[in-house]
């Protein structure tokens, strides 16, 4: 099992894809129920959506489904949003609060320990190494954490989610100029809605690595899937026209981040 794929680049921007993986170890696949095997909460086609938008960008991609273990959760299991509804390190339900495991076959403590070592730890070891390499190369590293989610999920949030959901943990994970530029580009993109630090303020990855005082800046982008999928239901196909249109502001964001990097470099 290869838990992570890394494509090293020389840009100051690193793209992380924690939830595009659809691989399942055999013992997990046989324990999931029919709903679980749909992998409904995958970030469908997000790696394809961003492909080629910023030449030289490093990519770090998790290969395993988030139903094996969620690499964007605290490895100790602490909630990202205390008091709010969310899923855990190994989810027991999907984002609609529907069980994803066969009766009596849900995750146990030994599953958490095993997949934390086999999947979660290698993913973050690779991501940490790339951040260190890029920071050594440029004096700064900008981690852009790529996500998507269905636009309407009543169990998690009310109403329809905006198209662009920018997370910086209320400005703690990156320089103010980075936050402002990403927000500006999203807000100016015609036909799209935007929110900064709304329902999604950045997951564990963004909060763990974003240390602007040390030259490491992190931003999470959660895209509503209606912005690029044909339908937010199986087979979760990418819509060519929607995705082509969305790639324009995404490319602008990534290139703006790369242009900002030299001003943020630290010795």
Protein backbone atom coordinates (compact mmCIF):
# COMPACT_ATOMS: atom_id res chain seq x y z
CA UNK A 1 0.00 0.00 0.00
CA UNK A 2 1.33 3.41 -1.00
CA UNK A 3 -0.39 5.87 1.39
CA UNK A 4 0.92 9.06 -0.23
CA UNK A 5 2.14 10.27 -3.61
CA UNK A 6 4.52 13.21 -3.83
CA UNK A 7 5.34 15.21 -6.94
CA UNK A 8 8.16 17.57 -5.94
CA UNK A 9 8.31 20.99 -7.56
CA UNK A 10 10.30 24.18 -7.20
CA UNK A 11 7.49 26.70 -6.62
CA UNK A 12 7.05 28.18 -3.13
CA UNK A 13 3.46 26.85 -3.21
CA UNK A 14 2.60 23.31 -2.10
CA UNK A 15 -0.77 21.77 -2.95
CA UNK A 16 -2.07 19.16 -0.50
CA UNK A 17 -4.85 16.73 -1.40
CA UNK A 18 -5.86 14.85 1.77
CA UNK A 19 -9.28 13.60 0.64
CA UNK A 20 -9.08 12.63 -3.04
CA UNK A 21 -8.05 9.05 -2.25
CA UNK A 22 -10.43 6.22 -3.10
CA UNK A 23 -8.28 3.20 -2.24
CA UNK A 24 -9.49 0.84 0.48
CA UNK A 25 -7.51 -1.95 2.17
CA UNK A 26 -9.37 -5.25 1.72
CA UNK A 27 -10.31 -5.59 5.39
CA UNK A 28 -11.81 -2.09 5.41
CA UNK A 29 -13.70 -2.59 2.14
CA UNK A 30 -15.37 -5.76 3.40
CA UNK A 31 -16.50 -4.06 6.62
CA UNK A 32 -18.06 -1.00 4.97
CA UNK A 33 -21.76 -1.18 4.11
CA UNK A 34 -23.23 -0.24 0.74
CA UNK A 35 -23.36 3.44 1.66
CA UNK A 36 -19.78 3.37 2.89
CA UNK A 37 -18.50 1.81 -0.31
CA UNK A 38 -19.91 4.76 -2.28
CA UNK A 39 -17.17 6.89 -0.67
CA UNK A 40 -19.63 9.76 -0.86
CA UNK A 41 -17.48 12.20 1.10
CA UNK A 42 -14.47 12.00 -1.21
CA UNK A 43 -13.11 15.27 -2.64
CA UNK A 44 -14.02 14.10 -6.13
CA UNK A 45 -11.67 15.22 -8.95
CA UNK A 46 -10.06 18.00 -6.93
CA UNK A 47 -6.58 16.95 -8.02
CA UNK A 48 -7.74 17.07 -11.66
CA UNK A 49 -9.32 20.48 -11.10
CA UNK A 50 -6.01 21.98 -9.93
CA UNK A 51 -3.74 20.09 -12.32
CA UNK A 52 -1.39 22.38 -14.25
CA UNK A 53 -2.66 25.64 -12.76
CA UNK A 54 0.70 26.55 -11.24
CA UNK A 55 3.79 25.17 -13.00
CA UNK A 56 6.32 23.83 -10.53
CA UNK A 57 3.91 23.42 -7.63
CA UNK A 58 4.67 20.49 -5.34
CA UNK A 59 1.73 18.13 -4.79
CA UNK A 60 1.21 15.80 -1.82
CA UNK A 61 -1.72 13.43 -2.33
CA UNK A 62 -3.26 10.87 0.04
CA UNK A 63 -4.22 7.69 -1.81
CA UNK A 64 -6.45 6.08 0.82
CA UNK A 65 -10.08 7.00 1.36
CA UNK A 66 -10.84 9.22 4.33
CA UNK A 67 -12.98 6.30 5.54
CA UNK A 68 -9.76 4.38 6.27
CA UNK A 69 -8.48 7.30 8.35
CA UNK A 70 -8.89 11.03 7.89
CA UNK A 71 -5.45 12.59 7.47
CA UNK A 72 -6.96 16.06 8.02
CA UNK A 73 -7.91 15.25 11.61
CA UNK A 74 -5.87 15.53 14.78
CA UNK A 75 -4.10 12.15 15.15
CA UNK A 76 -5.10 12.12 18.83
CA UNK A 77 -8.77 12.49 17.88
CA UNK A 78 -9.41 16.00 19.23
CA UNK A 79 -12.35 17.73 17.55
CA UNK A 80 -11.63 20.51 15.07
CA UNK A 81 -14.88 22.24 15.99
CA UNK A 82 -15.73 21.57 19.65
CA UNK A 83 -19.46 21.70 20.20
CA UNK A 84 -20.23 21.47 16.49
CA UNK A 85 -21.17 18.46 14.40
CA UNK A 86 -18.26 16.86 12.56
CA UNK A 87 -16.75 13.46 11.77
CA UNK A 88 -13.81 11.89 13.56
CA UNK A 89 -10.41 10.42 12.84
CA UNK A 90 -12.05 7.29 11.43
CA UNK A 91 -15.60 8.33 10.52
CA UNK A 92 -18.47 6.12 11.67
CA UNK A 93 -21.01 7.99 9.52
CA UNK A 94 -20.97 10.03 6.36
CA UNK A 95 -21.68 13.77 6.32
CA UNK A 96 -25.42 13.04 6.35
CA UNK A 97 -25.01 11.13 9.63
CA UNK A 98 -25.75 7.84 7.82
CA UNK A 99 -23.72 4.83 9.08
CA UNK A 100 -21.00 3.69 6.67
CA UNK A 101 -20.00 0.43 8.42
CA UNK A 102 -21.81 -2.90 8.55
CA UNK A 103 -23.50 -3.60 11.88
CA UNK A 104 -20.91 -4.61 14.44
CA UNK A 105 -18.01 -3.99 12.04
CA UNK A 106 -17.21 -0.37 12.88
CA UNK A 107 -13.73 0.95 13.68
CA UNK A 108 -12.07 -0.16 16.90
CA UNK A 109 -9.13 1.21 18.87
CA UNK A 110 -6.68 -1.12 17.14
CA UNK A 111 -7.91 0.12 13.74
CA UNK A 112 -7.12 3.68 14.75
CA UNK A 113 -3.64 2.73 15.93
CA UNK A 114 -2.90 0.68 12.80
CA UNK A 115 -4.10 3.19 10.22
CA UNK A 116 -2.56 6.08 12.09
CA UNK A 117 0.82 4.40 11.63
CA UNK A 118 0.22 3.08 8.11
CA UNK A 119 -1.56 6.07 6.53
CA UNK A 120 -1.81 9.20 8.70
CA UNK A 121 1.83 9.31 9.81
CA UNK A 122 3.38 8.68 6.35
CA UNK A 123 1.18 11.33 4.75
CA UNK A 124 2.25 13.97 7.24
CA UNK A 125 5.87 12.85 7.19
CA UNK A 126 5.86 13.46 3.43
CA UNK A 127 4.05 16.78 3.77
CA UNK A 128 6.40 17.96 6.53
CA UNK A 129 9.43 17.02 4.43
CA UNK A 130 8.16 18.97 1.43
CA UNK A 131 7.36 22.01 3.52
CA UNK A 132 10.89 21.94 4.97
CA UNK A 133 12.43 21.49 1.51
CA UNK A 134 10.47 24.36 -0.04
CA UNK A 135 11.13 26.67 2.89
CA UNK A 136 14.86 25.93 2.62
CA UNK A 137 14.70 26.68 -1.10
CA UNK A 138 12.71 29.93 -0.92
CA UNK A 139 12.85 31.11 2.69
CA UNK A 140 9.08 30.58 2.77
CA UNK A 141 6.54 27.83 2.07
CA UNK A 142 2.87 28.39 1.28
CA UNK A 143 0.68 25.35 1.89
CA UNK A 144 -2.61 25.44 0.00
CA UNK A 145 -4.86 22.66 1.28
CA UNK A 146 -7.33 21.57 -1.41
CA UNK A 147 -10.80 20.37 -0.43
CA UNK A 148 -14.38 20.09 -1.64
CA UNK A 149 -17.73 19.22 -0.12
CA UNK A 150 -21.34 18.90 -1.19
CA UNK A 151 -23.06 22.27 -1.14
CA UNK A 152 -26.06 21.17 0.96
CA UNK A 153 -25.49 18.98 4.03
CA UNK A 154 -28.05 19.81 6.74
CA UNK A 155 -26.28 17.67 9.36
CA UNK A 156 -23.19 19.92 9.13
CA UNK A 157 -24.52 23.36 8.23
CA UNK A 158 -27.69 25.26 7.40
CA UNK A 159 -28.62 26.26 3.87
CA UNK A 160 -26.30 26.18 0.90
CA UNK A 161 -22.55 26.44 1.36
CA UNK A 162 -20.78 29.24 -0.54
CA UNK A 163 -18.70 28.22 -3.55
CA UNK A 164 -15.39 29.39 -2.05
CA UNK A 165 -14.83 28.62 1.63
CA UNK A 166 -11.49 30.06 2.73
CA UNK A 167 -10.02 28.86 6.03
CA UNK A 168 -7.13 30.47 7.90
CA UNK A 169 -8.27 29.81 11.47
CA UNK A 170 -9.32 33.43 11.75
CA UNK A 171 -6.04 34.70 10.32
CA UNK A 172 -3.70 32.65 12.52
CA UNK A 173 -2.28 30.35 9.85
CA UNK A 174 -0.94 32.80 7.27
CA UNK A 175 0.17 36.37 6.69
CA UNK A 176 -2.62 38.92 6.44
CA UNK A 177 -1.61 39.66 2.85
CA UNK A 178 -2.15 36.06 1.80
CA UNK A 179 -5.58 35.91 3.39
CA UNK A 180 -6.56 39.24 1.85
CA UNK A 181 -5.39 38.30 -1.65
CA UNK A 182 -7.16 34.92 -1.68
CA UNK A 183 -10.33 36.54 -0.38
CA UNK A 184 -10.10 39.37 -2.92
CA UNK A 185 -9.78 37.03 -5.88
CA UNK A 186 -12.63 34.81 -4.73
CA UNK A 187 -14.94 37.74 -4.00
CA UNK A 188 -14.21 39.25 -7.43
CA UNK A 189 -14.87 36.03 -9.35
CA UNK A 190 -18.17 36.62 -11.20
CA UNK A 191 -21.01 34.24 -10.41
CA UNK A 192 -19.46 32.73 -7.29
CA UNK A 193 -20.16 33.19 -3.59
CA UNK A 194 -17.40 33.43 -0.98
CA UNK A 195 -16.90 33.24 2.76
CA UNK A 196 -13.79 33.71 4.89
CA UNK A 197 -13.52 31.58 8.05
CA UNK A 198 -17.17 30.58 7.97
CA UNK A 199 -18.29 27.03 8.72
CA UNK A 200 -14.82 25.79 7.68
CA UNK A 201 -11.91 27.67 9.25
CA UNK A 202 -9.25 25.18 8.20
CA UNK A 203 -8.69 21.60 9.26
CA UNK A 204 -5.90 20.03 11.27
CA UNK A 205 -3.42 20.33 8.39
CA UNK A 206 -3.90 24.09 8.04
CA UNK A 207 -3.82 24.73 11.77
CA UNK A 208 -0.89 22.37 12.44
CA UNK A 209 1.47 23.66 9.74
CA UNK A 210 0.44 27.30 9.42
CA UNK A 211 3.16 29.15 11.34
CA UNK A 212 3.67 32.46 9.58
CA UNK A 213 6.21 33.57 12.20
CA UNK A 214 8.38 30.65 11.02
CA UNK A 215 7.91 31.28 7.31
CA UNK A 216 5.23 28.63 6.77
CA UNK A 217 1.82 29.91 5.67
CA UNK A 218 -1.27 27.72 5.25
CA UNK A 219 -4.68 28.27 3.68
CA UNK A 220 -7.52 25.79 3.28
CA UNK A 221 -9.86 26.10 0.31
CA UNK A 222 -13.12 24.19 0.57
CA UNK A 223 -15.00 24.30 -2.74
CA UNK A 224 -18.72 23.57 -2.95
CA UNK A 225 -18.93 20.61 -5.33
CA UNK A 226 -21.79 22.16 -7.28
CA UNK A 227 -19.17 24.56 -8.65
CA UNK A 228 -17.41 21.81 -10.62
CA UNK A 229 -19.38 18.54 -10.56
CA UNK A 230 -22.25 17.65 -12.90
CA UNK A 231 -24.22 16.41 -9.86
CA UNK A 232 -23.36 16.00 -6.20
CA UNK A 233 -24.52 12.38 -6.39
CA UNK A 234 -23.00 9.18 -7.79
CA UNK A 235 -21.11 8.89 -10.06
CA UNK A 236 -19.86 12.36 -9.03
CA UNK A 237 -18.72 13.22 -12.54
CA UNK A 238 -16.68 16.33 -13.27
CA UNK A 239 -18.60 18.86 -15.37
CA UNK A 240 -16.27 20.09 -18.15
CA UNK A 241 -17.79 23.55 -18.49
CA UNK A 242 -18.14 24.25 -14.78
CA UNK A 243 -14.64 23.01 -14.02
CA UNK A 244 -13.06 24.98 -16.87
CA UNK A 245 -14.72 28.16 -15.60
CA UNK A 246 -13.68 27.50 -12.01
CA UNK A 247 -10.07 26.85 -12.96
CA UNK A 248 -9.68 30.52 -13.93
CA UNK A 249 -9.98 32.04 -10.41
CA UNK A 250 -8.15 29.05 -8.92
CA UNK A 251 -5.21 29.67 -11.25
CA UNK A 252 -5.28 33.35 -10.32
CA UNK A 253 -5.13 32.44 -6.63
CA UNK A 254 -2.19 30.08 -6.96
CA UNK A 255 -0.19 32.44 -9.14
CA UNK A 256 -0.90 35.31 -6.75
CA UNK A 257 0.41 33.23 -3.85
CA UNK A 258 3.58 32.39 -5.74
CA UNK A 259 4.06 36.09 -6.53
CA UNK A 260 3.63 37.04 -2.87
CA UNK A 261 6.16 34.51 -1.61
CA UNK A 262 9.37 36.54 -2.13
CA UNK A 263 8.00 39.34 0.08
CA UNK A 264 7.40 36.85 2.87
CA UNK A 265 10.75 35.04 2.72
CA UNK A 266 12.67 34.67 5.95
CA UNK A 267 16.37 33.88 6.39
